[in-house]
Amino acid sequence: MTVDGVEEGLMAVVEFDNGTLGQVHDIYNAPHSLSGIEIIGSKGSISSPAAC
């Protein structure tokens, strides 16, 4: 996913010291897409759209 050699997005999986895994992804060129954060755990989840 590049335009003129510049990346348009990223994805990563992060493992914390306590073994918890986190996933991060972002796409820079998706028109009309919403931004926000979502945390999903074994006891529930929480999400919030980004303030624009």
Protein backbone atom coordinates (compact mmCIF):
# COMPACT_ATOMS: atom_id res chain seq x y z
CA MET A 1 0.00 0.00 0.00
CA THR A 2 2.11 2.84 -1.26
CA VAL A 3 1.77 5.96 -3.37
CA ASP A 4 5.00 7.23 -4.85
CA GLY A 5 6.93 5.02 -2.39
CA VAL A 6 5.18 6.41 0.72
CA GLU A 7 3.29 3.98 2.93
CA GLU A 8 -0.45 4.60 3.24
CA GLY A 9 -1.08 2.47 6.29
CA LEU A 10 0.40 0.39 9.06
CA MET A 11 -0.40 -2.62 11.19
CA ALA A 12 1.42 -4.00 14.20
CA VAL A 13 0.95 -6.52 16.98
CA VAL A 14 2.53 -5.53 20.30
CA GLU A 15 3.24 -7.91 23.19
CA PHE A 16 3.48 -6.26 26.60
CA ASP A 17 5.70 -7.51 29.46
CA ASN A 18 2.73 -9.23 31.13
CA GLY A 19 1.90 -11.21 27.95
CA THR A 20 -1.02 -9.03 26.85
CA LEU A 21 -1.26 -8.60 23.09
CA GLY A 22 -2.28 -5.36 21.42
CA GLN A 23 -3.11 -4.72 17.77
CA VAL A 24 -2.66 -1.35 16.09
CA HIS A 25 -3.78 -0.45 12.58
CA ASP A 26 -4.24 2.76 10.67
CA ILE A 27 -4.91 3.72 7.06
CA TYR A 28 -4.18 7.25 5.94
CA ASN A 29 -6.05 7.39 2.64
CA ALA A 30 -9.50 5.95 3.43
CA PRO A 31 -12.05 8.63 2.53
CA HIS A 32 -14.98 9.06 4.92
CA SER A 33 -13.51 6.64 7.45
CA LEU A 34 -13.95 7.25 11.15
CA SER A 35 -11.13 7.42 13.66
CA GLY A 36 -11.25 6.21 17.21
CA ILE A 37 -9.99 3.73 19.73
CA GLU A 38 -11.36 0.38 20.81
CA ILE A 39 -10.10 -1.77 23.66
CA ILE A 40 -11.35 -5.35 23.84
CA GLY A 41 -10.65 -7.48 26.89
CA SER A 42 -11.75 -10.78 28.39
CA LYS A 43 -14.33 -9.00 30.60
CA GLY A 44 -15.73 -6.53 28.05
CA SER A 45 -14.86 -3.78 25.63
CA ILE A 46 -14.87 0.00 25.38
CA SER A 47 -14.71 2.25 22.33
CA SER A 48 -14.66 5.94 21.63
CA PRO A 49 -14.68 7.87 18.36
CA ALA A 50 -11.98 10.47 17.94
CA ALA A 51 -12.94 14.07 18.57
CA CYS A 52 -12.80 16.02 15.31
